[in-house]
Amino acid sequence: MSIEKGVVEKVENGFAYVRAQRKSACGGCASRSHCSSMHGANTMLVKTSNALRAKKGEIVSFQIKAGTLLKFTFIIYMVPVLGLLLGALSAGRLGNLIGMNDALALVVFTLSGLGMAIYLSRLIVRRKNTGDELMPIIKRIY
């Protein structure tokens, strides 16, 4: 469970916008659509659920549910690997079926499997990201 601290910048419609330090793990995070850069590359503005009713200027800690984070990390990283493997393993038979050179078939079907898996993982994450499942939640006000 990734717990981060930040300062509430503004409160609006049941959400708090928290300024926090950007981490190196942010680039691959499934919840990054709830964040935006501000004041340079080292900080970000995170849209969080404000069930605790934090006010502007307060220091808070926020997190994403651990199960959700693990599930989306698996989708983002493992689905492309599985697509790559499936493409590579099916290349021999599919290449022979259409009369393609073995080496060329390996390259074509491996890259095709990888491309389709990346597209599929992005599609799944986007579809799931429309709700509040990936939105960080304020856990504590200091």
Foldseek 3Di string as FASTA:
>chain_A
DDKFKFFFAADDDQKTWTKGFDDPCLVQFLLVVQWADDPDDGIIIGIAGRPVPDHGGWMFMKDADPVLRVVLSCLQPVQLVVLLVVQQVCQVVVCVVVVHDSVVSNVVSNVVSNVVSNVVSVVVSVVVNVDCNGHMYTDDTD
